[in-house]
Amino acid sequence: MPLVTLIAHRNTPGKEKTKKLIEFFAAAGSIAKKHQLKANYYNFIISTNVGECSIVNLDYTQKTVEFVFAPHSIYEGHDRERITLEMEKFIRFAHELAQATGYDIVIQKPLYYDQDR
């Protein structure tokens, strides 16, 4: 007979890292609203009008974090100028977030941003 077993999540970052991620994202969500961006607290995603960006590689000891845009969502139906304006808004958000939290932030550029410019 098939067996179902419940185990601990394999990628659990630990209580301290989880706490720091929640603290960081609470600040990110608050600042995102000021920049007319949306925060998805369930998945730790910041949404722009041209794509979604997730938080990866949060290192609370080094105070570094990366944002990664979903490559499939940035270009669909948006002209280059709108993408550029939205990215400029996101970069302003990231600068304010860095100042507020003390984290160094790296943004992995979306697939179609700045292409052929």
N, C-alpha and C. Protein backbone atom coordinates (compact mmCIF):
# COMPACT_ATOMS: atom_id res chain seq x y z
N MET A 1 0.85 -1.18 0.00
CA MET A 1 0.00 0.00 0.00
C MET A 1 0.90 1.25 0.00
N PRO A 2 0.58 2.26 -0.83
CA PRO A 2 1.36 3.49 -0.86
C PRO A 2 1.37 4.19 0.50
N LEU A 3 2.45 4.87 0.77
CA LEU A 3 2.64 5.52 2.06
C LEU A 3 2.81 7.02 1.89
N VAL A 4 2.20 7.80 2.74
CA VAL A 4 2.36 9.25 2.74
C VAL A 4 3.04 9.62 4.05
N THR A 5 4.14 10.37 3.95
CA THR A 5 4.88 10.77 5.14
C THR A 5 5.05 12.28 5.16
N LEU A 6 4.78 12.90 6.27
CA LEU A 6 4.95 14.34 6.44
C LEU A 6 6.32 14.59 7.07
N ILE A 7 7.15 15.40 6.41
CA ILE A 7 8.49 15.70 6.93
C ILE A 7 8.66 17.22 7.03
N ALA A 8 9.70 17.65 7.71
CA ALA A 8 10.01 19.07 7.81
C ALA A 8 10.38 19.60 6.42
N HIS A 9 10.07 20.86 6.18
CA HIS A 9 10.40 21.50 4.90
C HIS A 9 11.92 21.44 4.71
N ARG A 10 12.36 21.00 3.57
CA ARG A 10 13.79 20.82 3.32
C ARG A 10 14.56 22.12 3.20
N ASN A 11 13.89 23.17 2.81
CA ASN A 11 14.58 24.44 2.61
C ASN A 11 14.27 25.47 3.68
N THR A 12 13.89 25.01 4.86
CA THR A 12 13.56 25.93 5.94
C THR A 12 14.80 26.74 6.30
N PRO A 13 14.71 28.06 6.22
CA PRO A 13 15.89 28.89 6.46
C PRO A 13 16.22 29.06 7.93
N GLY A 14 15.40 28.62 8.83
CA GLY A 14 15.65 28.81 10.25
C GLY A 14 14.87 30.00 10.77
N LYS A 15 14.64 29.99 12.06
CA LYS A 15 13.79 31.02 12.66
C LYS A 15 14.38 32.42 12.52
N GLU A 16 15.68 32.57 12.75
CA GLU A 16 16.28 33.91 12.71
C GLU A 16 16.23 34.49 11.30
N LYS A 17 16.58 33.69 10.29
CA LYS A 17 16.53 34.18 8.92
C LYS A 17 15.09 34.49 8.50
N THR A 18 14.16 33.66 8.91
CA THR A 18 12.76 33.91 8.59
C THR A 18 12.30 35.21 9.23
N LYS A 19 12.68 35.44 10.47
CA LYS A 19 12.32 36.68 11.16
C LYS A 19 12.90 37.89 10.42
N LYS A 20 14.16 37.80 10.01
CA LYS A 20 14.80 38.91 9.31
C LYS A 20 14.16 39.15 7.94
N LEU A 21 13.78 38.07 7.26
CA LEU A 21 13.11 38.20 5.96
C LEU A 21 11.77 38.90 6.13
N ILE A 22 11.03 38.53 7.15
CA ILE A 22 9.73 39.17 7.40
C ILE A 22 9.92 40.64 7.75
N GLU A 23 10.91 40.96 8.58
CA GLU A 23 11.19 42.36 8.92
C GLU A 23 11.55 43.16 7.67
N PHE A 24 12.41 42.58 6.84
CA PHE A 24 12.83 43.26 5.62
C PHE A 24 11.63 43.48 4.70
N PHE A 25 10.81 42.44 4.54
CA PHE A 25 9.69 42.57 3.62
C PHE A 25 8.60 43.49 4.15
N ALA A 26 8.46 43.59 5.46
CA ALA A 26 7.51 44.55 6.02
C ALA A 26 7.93 45.97 5.63
N ALA A 27 9.23 46.25 5.72
CA ALA A 27 9.73 47.56 5.28
C ALA A 27 9.53 47.72 3.78
N ALA A 28 9.82 46.67 3.02
CA ALA A 28 9.67 46.73 1.56
C ALA A 28 8.22 47.00 1.18
N GLY A 29 7.29 46.34 1.83
CA GLY A 29 5.88 46.53 1.52
C GLY A 29 5.40 47.93 1.80
N SER A 30 5.87 48.48 2.91
CA SER A 30 5.49 49.85 3.28
C SER A 30 6.03 50.86 2.27
N ILE A 31 7.28 50.71 1.90
CA ILE A 31 7.90 51.63 0.94
C ILE A 31 7.32 51.42 -0.45
N ALA A 32 7.00 50.18 -0.80
CA ALA A 32 6.42 49.89 -2.12
C ALA A 32 5.13 50.67 -2.33
N LYS A 33 4.30 50.76 -1.30
CA LYS A 33 3.04 51.50 -1.42
C LYS A 33 3.29 52.96 -1.80
N LYS A 34 4.32 53.55 -1.22
CA LYS A 34 4.65 54.95 -1.53
C LYS A 34 5.03 55.13 -2.99
N HIS A 35 5.56 54.07 -3.59
CA HIS A 35 6.00 54.13 -4.99
C HIS A 35 4.97 53.51 -5.94
N GLN A 36 3.78 53.29 -5.45
CA GLN A 36 2.67 52.73 -6.23
C GLN A 36 3.00 51.34 -6.78
N LEU A 37 3.68 50.56 -5.97
CA LEU A 37 3.97 49.16 -6.27
C LEU A 37 3.13 48.31 -5.31
N LYS A 38 2.93 47.06 -5.65
CA LYS A 38 2.13 46.17 -4.81
C LYS A 38 3.04 45.14 -4.15
N ALA A 39 2.75 44.83 -2.90
CA ALA A 39 3.52 43.82 -2.17
C ALA A 39 2.65 42.60 -1.91
N ASN A 40 3.15 41.43 -2.29
CA ASN A 40 2.47 40.17 -2.02
C ASN A 40 3.21 39.53 -0.84
N TYR A 41 2.65 39.67 0.35
CA TYR A 41 3.33 39.20 1.56
C TYR A 41 3.39 37.68 1.65
N TYR A 42 2.51 37.01 0.96
CA TYR A 42 2.49 35.55 1.01
C TYR A 42 3.71 34.96 0.30
N ASN A 43 4.07 35.55 -0.85
CA ASN A 43 5.18 35.02 -1.65
C ASN A 43 6.41 35.91 -1.65
N PHE A 44 6.41 36.99 -0.89
CA PHE A 44 7.52 37.94 -0.86
C PHE A 44 7.83 38.46 -2.26
N ILE A 45 6.79 38.95 -2.94
CA ILE A 45 6.93 39.46 -4.30
C ILE A 45 6.49 40.92 -4.33
N ILE A 46 7.24 41.74 -5.06
CA ILE A 46 6.85 43.12 -5.34
C ILE A 46 6.38 43.15 -6.79
N SER A 47 5.18 43.67 -7.02
CA SER A 47 4.63 43.72 -8.37
C SER A 47 4.68 45.14 -8.92
N THR A 48 5.14 45.25 -10.15
CA THR A 48 5.11 46.51 -10.88
C THR A 48 4.04 46.39 -11.95
N ASN A 49 3.86 47.43 -12.73
CA ASN A 49 2.88 47.36 -13.82
C ASN A 49 3.39 46.56 -15.01
N VAL A 50 4.64 46.15 -14.99
CA VAL A 50 5.18 45.37 -16.11
C VAL A 50 5.81 44.05 -15.68
N GLY A 51 5.69 43.68 -14.43
CA GLY A 51 6.25 42.40 -14.02
C GLY A 51 6.33 42.24 -12.52
N GLU A 52 6.64 41.02 -12.11
CA GLU A 52 6.78 40.70 -10.70
C GLU A 52 8.24 40.47 -10.36
N CYS A 53 8.60 40.85 -9.15
CA CYS A 53 9.97 40.75 -8.70
C CYS A 53 9.98 40.04 -7.34
N SER A 54 10.79 39.01 -7.22
CA SER A 54 10.84 38.28 -5.95
C SER A 54 12.17 38.55 -5.25
N ILE A 55 12.13 38.37 -3.94
CA ILE A 55 13.32 38.54 -3.11
C ILE A 55 14.03 37.20 -3.03
N VAL A 56 15.32 37.20 -3.34
CA VAL A 56 16.13 35.99 -3.22
C VAL A 56 17.44 36.35 -2.53
N ASN A 57 18.09 35.35 -2.01
CA ASN A 57 19.43 35.50 -1.43
C ASN A 57 19.53 36.57 -0.36
N LEU A 58 18.55 36.63 0.55
CA LEU A 58 18.65 37.56 1.66
C LEU A 58 19.69 37.04 2.64
N ASP A 59 20.70 37.84 2.90
CA ASP A 59 21.74 37.50 3.86
C ASP A 59 21.73 38.57 4.94
N TYR A 60 21.10 38.26 6.07
CA TYR A 60 20.96 39.27 7.11
C TYR A 60 22.26 39.53 7.86
N THR A 61 23.24 38.63 7.77
CA THR A 61 24.52 38.89 8.43
C THR A 61 25.36 39.86 7.62
N GLN A 62 25.33 39.73 6.29
CA GLN A 62 26.07 40.65 5.40
C GLN A 62 25.21 41.85 4.99
N LYS A 63 23.90 41.77 5.31
CA LYS A 63 22.93 42.80 4.94
C LYS A 63 22.91 43.02 3.43
N THR A 64 22.72 41.92 2.70
CA THR A 64 22.58 41.97 1.25
C THR A 64 21.33 41.21 0.84
N VAL A 65 20.77 41.61 -0.29
CA VAL A 65 19.58 40.94 -0.81
C VAL A 65 19.53 41.17 -2.31
N GLU A 66 18.91 40.24 -3.02
CA GLU A 66 18.72 40.39 -4.47
C GLU A 66 17.24 40.37 -4.79
N PHE A 67 16.88 41.15 -5.80
CA PHE A 67 15.55 41.12 -6.38
C PHE A 67 15.69 40.54 -7.78
N VAL A 68 14.81 39.62 -8.13
CA VAL A 68 14.84 38.99 -9.45
C VAL A 68 13.48 39.14 -10.11
N PHE A 69 13.45 39.72 -11.29
CA PHE A 69 12.21 39.85 -12.05
C PHE A 69 11.91 38.56 -12.77
N ALA A 70 10.62 38.22 -12.83
CA ALA A 70 10.19 37.06 -13.61
C ALA A 70 10.41 37.39 -15.08
N PRO A 71 11.22 36.62 -15.80
CA PRO A 71 11.56 36.96 -17.17
C PRO A 71 10.39 36.92 -18.13
N HIS A 72 9.38 36.15 -17.82
CA HIS A 72 8.25 35.99 -18.74
C HIS A 72 7.25 37.13 -18.67
N SER A 73 7.27 37.93 -17.61
CA SER A 73 6.19 38.89 -17.43
C SER A 73 6.54 40.32 -17.81
N ILE A 74 7.78 40.64 -17.99
CA ILE A 74 8.17 42.04 -18.14
C ILE A 74 7.82 42.60 -19.52
N TYR A 75 7.85 41.81 -20.55
CA TYR A 75 7.73 42.35 -21.90
C TYR A 75 6.33 42.24 -22.49
N GLU A 76 5.56 41.30 -22.02
CA GLU A 76 4.26 41.01 -22.62
C GLU A 76 3.37 42.23 -22.74
N GLY A 77 3.20 42.73 -23.95
CA GLY A 77 2.25 43.79 -24.23
C GLY A 77 2.66 45.18 -23.78
N HIS A 78 3.89 45.37 -23.38
CA HIS A 78 4.33 46.68 -22.89
C HIS A 78 5.39 47.25 -23.83
N ASP A 79 5.26 48.53 -24.13
CA ASP A 79 6.28 49.14 -24.98
C ASP A 79 7.52 49.44 -24.15
N ARG A 80 8.61 49.65 -24.85
CA ARG A 80 9.91 49.84 -24.21
C ARG A 80 9.91 51.05 -23.26
N GLU A 81 9.21 52.12 -23.64
CA GLU A 81 9.19 53.31 -22.80
C GLU A 81 8.49 53.04 -21.47
N ARG A 82 7.39 52.31 -21.52
CA ARG A 82 6.68 51.99 -20.28
C ARG A 82 7.54 51.10 -19.38
N ILE A 83 8.22 50.14 -19.97
CA ILE A 83 9.10 49.27 -19.19
C ILE A 83 10.19 50.11 -18.53
N THR A 84 10.77 51.04 -19.28
CA THR A 84 11.82 51.90 -18.73
C THR A 84 11.30 52.73 -17.57
N LEU A 85 10.12 53.33 -17.72
CA LEU A 85 9.54 54.14 -16.65
C LEU A 85 9.25 53.31 -15.40
N GLU A 86 8.73 52.12 -15.59
CA GLU A 86 8.44 51.24 -14.45
C GLU A 86 9.73 50.81 -13.75
N MET A 87 10.77 50.53 -14.53
CA MET A 87 12.04 50.14 -13.92
C MET A 87 12.65 51.30 -13.16
N GLU A 88 12.53 52.50 -13.68
CA GLU A 88 13.04 53.67 -12.96
C GLU A 88 12.30 53.84 -11.64
N LYS A 89 11.00 53.60 -11.64
CA LYS A 89 10.21 53.67 -10.40
C LYS A 89 10.69 52.59 -9.42
N PHE A 90 10.94 51.39 -9.93
CA PHE A 90 11.39 50.30 -9.07
C PHE A 90 12.77 50.60 -8.48
N ILE A 91 13.64 51.18 -9.28
CA ILE A 91 14.98 51.52 -8.80
C ILE A 91 14.90 52.59 -7.71
N ARG A 92 14.01 53.58 -7.86
CA ARG A 92 13.82 54.57 -6.79
C ARG A 92 13.33 53.89 -5.51
N PHE A 93 12.40 52.96 -5.66
CA PHE A 93 11.93 52.18 -4.52
C PHE A 93 13.09 51.45 -3.85
N ALA A 94 13.93 50.80 -4.65
CA ALA A 94 15.05 50.02 -4.10
C ALA A 94 16.05 50.92 -3.37
N HIS A 95 16.31 52.11 -3.90
CA HIS A 95 17.21 53.05 -3.22
C HIS A 95 16.65 53.45 -1.86
N GLU A 96 15.37 53.77 -1.82
CA GLU A 96 14.75 54.15 -0.55
C GLU A 96 14.75 52.98 0.43
N LEU A 97 14.49 51.78 -0.06
CA LEU A 97 14.50 50.59 0.79
C LEU A 97 15.91 50.34 1.34
N ALA A 98 16.92 50.50 0.51
CA ALA A 98 18.30 50.32 0.96
C ALA A 98 18.64 51.31 2.08
N GLN A 99 18.24 52.56 1.90
CA GLN A 99 18.49 53.58 2.92
C GLN A 99 17.75 53.25 4.22
N ALA A 100 16.52 52.79 4.11
CA ALA A 100 15.71 52.51 5.30
C ALA A 100 16.17 51.28 6.06
N THR A 101 16.69 50.28 5.34
CA THR A 101 17.03 49.00 5.99
C THR A 101 18.52 48.80 6.20
N GLY A 102 19.35 49.53 5.47
CA GLY A 102 20.79 49.32 5.55
C GLY A 102 21.28 48.15 4.72
N TYR A 103 20.40 47.56 3.92
CA TYR A 103 20.79 46.43 3.07
C TYR A 103 21.33 46.93 1.74
N ASP A 104 22.37 46.25 1.24
CA ASP A 104 22.81 46.45 -0.14
C ASP A 104 21.88 45.63 -1.01
N ILE A 105 21.36 46.24 -2.06
CA ILE A 105 20.37 45.58 -2.91
C ILE A 105 20.91 45.43 -4.32
N VAL A 106 20.81 44.22 -4.84
CA VAL A 106 21.17 43.93 -6.23
C VAL A 106 19.87 43.60 -6.95
N ILE A 107 19.68 44.19 -8.13
CA ILE A 107 18.49 43.90 -8.93
C ILE A 107 18.94 43.20 -10.20
N GLN A 108 18.47 41.98 -10.40
CA GLN A 108 18.74 41.29 -11.66
C GLN A 108 17.78 41.86 -12.69
N LYS A 109 18.35 42.46 -13.72
CA LYS A 109 17.52 43.13 -14.74
C LYS A 109 16.57 42.16 -15.41
N PRO A 110 15.36 42.62 -15.70
CA PRO A 110 14.42 41.79 -16.45
C PRO A 110 14.97 41.45 -17.83
N LEU A 111 14.49 40.39 -18.39
CA LEU A 111 14.98 39.87 -19.66
C LEU A 111 15.01 40.91 -20.76
N TYR A 112 13.95 41.70 -20.92
CA TYR A 112 13.87 42.63 -22.04
C TYR A 112 14.20 44.07 -21.67
N TYR A 113 14.60 44.33 -20.44
CA TYR A 113 14.91 45.69 -20.04
C TYR A 113 16.26 46.11 -20.61
N ASP A 114 16.30 47.28 -21.20
CA ASP A 114 17.54 47.87 -21.69
C ASP A 114 18.11 47.12 -22.89
N GLN A 115 17.33 46.26 -23.50
CA GLN A 115 17.81 45.52 -24.67
C GLN A 115 17.81 46.44 -25.88
N ASP A 116 18.85 46.40 -26.67
CA ASP A 116 18.98 47.18 -27.91
C ASP A 116 18.88 48.69 -27.67
N ARG A 117 19.42 49.16 -26.57
CA ARG A 117 19.37 50.60 -26.31
C ARG A 117 20.73 51.20 -26.54
